[in-house]
Amino acid sequence: MFGNDSHFLLSLHRTHAAELRAEAAADRLARSVRVRTGRTWLGRRQHARRTGDERR
């Protein structure tokens, strides 16, 4: 399959580089998608509440 170690290392490098490019593209896509949070079906904003917060 591989003639020598240099061909194997080059193939390994190219595979790893392709994986890194795919991960970077997935991260860019995830950042570009707008996440709609904080609104209910009535359109009012919901404030983030912590579990320890109690209204008195």
N, C-alpha and C. Protein backbone atom coordinates (compact mmCIF):
# COMPACT_ATOMS: atom_id res chain seq x y z
N MET A 1 0.83 -1.19 0.00
CA MET A 1 0.00 0.00 0.00
C MET A 1 0.88 1.26 0.00
N PHE A 2 1.77 1.36 0.97
CA PHE A 2 2.67 2.51 1.03
C PHE A 2 4.06 2.03 0.66
N GLY A 3 4.74 2.80 -0.18
CA GLY A 3 6.07 2.41 -0.61
C GLY A 3 7.10 2.54 0.49
N ASN A 4 6.96 3.59 1.32
CA ASN A 4 7.90 3.78 2.43
C ASN A 4 7.24 4.61 3.52
N ASP A 5 7.99 4.87 4.56
CA ASP A 5 7.43 5.60 5.70
C ASP A 5 7.05 7.04 5.36
N SER A 6 7.76 7.65 4.44
CA SER A 6 7.43 9.05 4.11
C SER A 6 6.06 9.14 3.45
N HIS A 7 5.69 8.17 2.64
CA HIS A 7 4.36 8.18 2.03
C HIS A 7 3.28 7.97 3.09
N PHE A 8 3.56 7.09 4.04
CA PHE A 8 2.61 6.86 5.12
C PHE A 8 2.41 8.12 5.96
N LEU A 9 3.52 8.77 6.31
CA LEU A 9 3.42 9.98 7.12
C LEU A 9 2.71 11.09 6.37
N LEU A 10 2.96 11.22 5.08
CA LEU A 10 2.27 12.23 4.29
C LEU A 10 0.77 11.94 4.23
N SER A 11 0.41 10.69 4.06
CA SER A 11 -1.00 10.31 4.03
C SER A 11 -1.66 10.59 5.38
N LEU A 12 -0.96 10.25 6.45
CA LEU A 12 -1.48 10.51 7.79
C LEU A 12 -1.67 12.00 8.02
N HIS A 13 -0.71 12.80 7.60
CA HIS A 13 -0.80 14.25 7.74
C HIS A 13 -1.99 14.81 6.96
N ARG A 14 -2.17 14.34 5.73
CA ARG A 14 -3.29 14.84 4.91
C ARG A 14 -4.63 14.45 5.51
N THR A 15 -4.71 13.25 6.05
CA THR A 15 -5.96 12.81 6.69
C THR A 15 -6.27 13.67 7.90
N HIS A 16 -5.25 13.91 8.72
CA HIS A 16 -5.46 14.72 9.92
C HIS A 16 -5.82 16.15 9.55
N ALA A 17 -5.17 16.70 8.54
CA ALA A 17 -5.47 18.06 8.09
C ALA A 17 -6.90 18.15 7.58
N ALA A 18 -7.36 17.13 6.87
CA ALA A 18 -8.74 17.13 6.37
C ALA A 18 -9.73 17.06 7.53
N GLU A 19 -9.41 16.28 8.56
CA GLU A 19 -10.29 16.21 9.73
C GLU A 19 -10.35 17.56 10.44
N LEU A 20 -9.22 18.23 10.57
CA LEU A 20 -9.20 19.55 11.22
C LEU A 20 -10.00 20.57 10.41
N ARG A 21 -9.88 20.53 9.08
CA ARG A 21 -10.67 21.44 8.24
C ARG A 21 -12.16 21.17 8.38
N ALA A 22 -12.54 19.90 8.48
CA ALA A 22 -13.96 19.56 8.63
C ALA A 22 -14.48 20.05 9.98
N GLU A 23 -13.69 19.90 11.04
CA GLU A 23 -14.11 20.39 12.35
C GLU A 23 -14.25 21.90 12.36
N ALA A 24 -13.31 22.59 11.72
CA ALA A 24 -13.38 24.05 11.66
C ALA A 24 -14.61 24.50 10.88
N ALA A 25 -14.91 23.81 9.80
CA ALA A 25 -16.10 24.17 9.02
C ALA A 25 -17.37 23.92 9.82
N ALA A 26 -17.41 22.84 10.58
CA ALA A 26 -18.59 22.57 11.42
C ALA A 26 -18.73 23.63 12.50
N ASP A 27 -17.62 24.06 13.09
CA ASP A 27 -17.67 25.12 14.11
C ASP A 27 -18.16 26.44 13.51
N ARG A 28 -17.67 26.78 12.31
CA ARG A 28 -18.13 28.01 11.66
C ARG A 28 -19.63 27.95 11.37
N LEU A 29 -20.09 26.80 10.91
CA LEU A 29 -21.51 26.65 10.63
C LEU A 29 -22.34 26.77 11.90
N ALA A 30 -21.86 26.16 12.98
CA ALA A 30 -22.59 26.24 14.24
C ALA A 30 -22.66 27.68 14.76
N ARG A 31 -21.59 28.45 14.56
CA ARG A 31 -21.61 29.84 15.01
C ARG A 31 -22.48 30.71 14.12
N SER A 32 -22.63 30.34 12.86
CA SER A 32 -23.39 31.19 11.94
C SER A 32 -24.90 30.99 12.08
N VAL A 33 -25.32 29.89 12.66
CA VAL A 33 -26.75 29.64 12.84
C VAL A 33 -27.23 30.41 14.05
N ARG A 34 -28.25 31.22 13.84
CA ARG A 34 -28.77 32.05 14.92
C ARG A 34 -29.62 31.19 15.85
N VAL A 35 -29.33 31.26 17.13
CA VAL A 35 -30.08 30.50 18.12
C VAL A 35 -31.16 31.42 18.68
N ARG A 36 -32.40 30.99 18.56
CA ARG A 36 -33.51 31.79 19.08
C ARG A 36 -33.89 31.27 20.45
N THR A 37 -33.44 31.96 21.45
CA THR A 37 -33.78 31.61 22.82
C THR A 37 -34.26 32.86 23.55
N GLY A 38 -34.94 32.65 24.64
CA GLY A 38 -35.34 33.78 25.46
C GLY A 38 -36.72 34.31 25.15
N ARG A 39 -37.45 33.72 24.21
CA ARG A 39 -38.80 34.19 23.92
C ARG A 39 -39.77 33.03 23.99
N THR A 40 -40.93 33.31 24.52
CA THR A 40 -41.98 32.30 24.59
C THR A 40 -42.91 32.47 23.41
N TRP A 41 -43.93 31.68 23.35
CA TRP A 41 -44.88 31.78 22.25
C TRP A 41 -45.67 33.07 22.28
N LEU A 42 -45.68 33.75 23.42
CA LEU A 42 -46.33 35.06 23.51
C LEU A 42 -45.41 36.18 23.05
N GLY A 43 -44.14 35.88 22.86
CA GLY A 43 -43.21 36.89 22.40
C GLY A 43 -42.57 37.67 23.53
N ARG A 44 -42.82 37.30 24.75
CA ARG A 44 -42.21 38.00 25.87
C ARG A 44 -40.87 37.38 26.20
N ARG A 45 -39.98 38.22 26.64
CA ARG A 45 -38.66 37.71 27.01
C ARG A 45 -38.73 36.98 28.34
N GLN A 46 -38.02 35.86 28.38
CA GLN A 46 -37.88 35.10 29.61
C GLN A 46 -36.50 35.39 30.18
N HIS A 47 -36.47 35.79 31.42
CA HIS A 47 -35.19 36.04 32.05
C HIS A 47 -34.62 34.73 32.56
N ALA A 48 -33.33 34.57 32.36
CA ALA A 48 -32.68 33.34 32.82
C ALA A 48 -32.71 33.32 34.35
N ARG A 49 -33.21 32.24 34.88
CA ARG A 49 -33.29 32.11 36.33
C ARG A 49 -32.42 30.96 36.79
N ARG A 50 -31.77 31.20 37.90
CA ARG A 50 -30.98 30.13 38.48
C ARG A 50 -31.85 29.35 39.43
N THR A 51 -31.48 28.11 39.68
CA THR A 51 -32.30 27.25 40.53
C THR A 51 -32.39 27.78 41.95
N GLY A 52 -31.39 28.51 42.39
CA GLY A 52 -31.40 29.02 43.76
C GLY A 52 -32.16 30.33 43.92
N ASP A 53 -32.57 30.94 42.82
CA ASP A 53 -33.27 32.23 42.91
C ASP A 53 -34.73 32.02 43.29
N GLU A 54 -35.14 32.73 44.30
CA GLU A 54 -36.54 32.67 44.74
C GLU A 54 -37.07 34.09 44.83
N ARG A 55 -38.26 34.28 44.37
CA ARG A 55 -38.88 35.61 44.51
C ARG A 55 -39.57 35.68 45.87
N ARG A 56 -39.35 36.80 46.53
CA ARG A 56 -39.94 36.95 47.87
C ARG A 56 -40.96 38.04 47.88
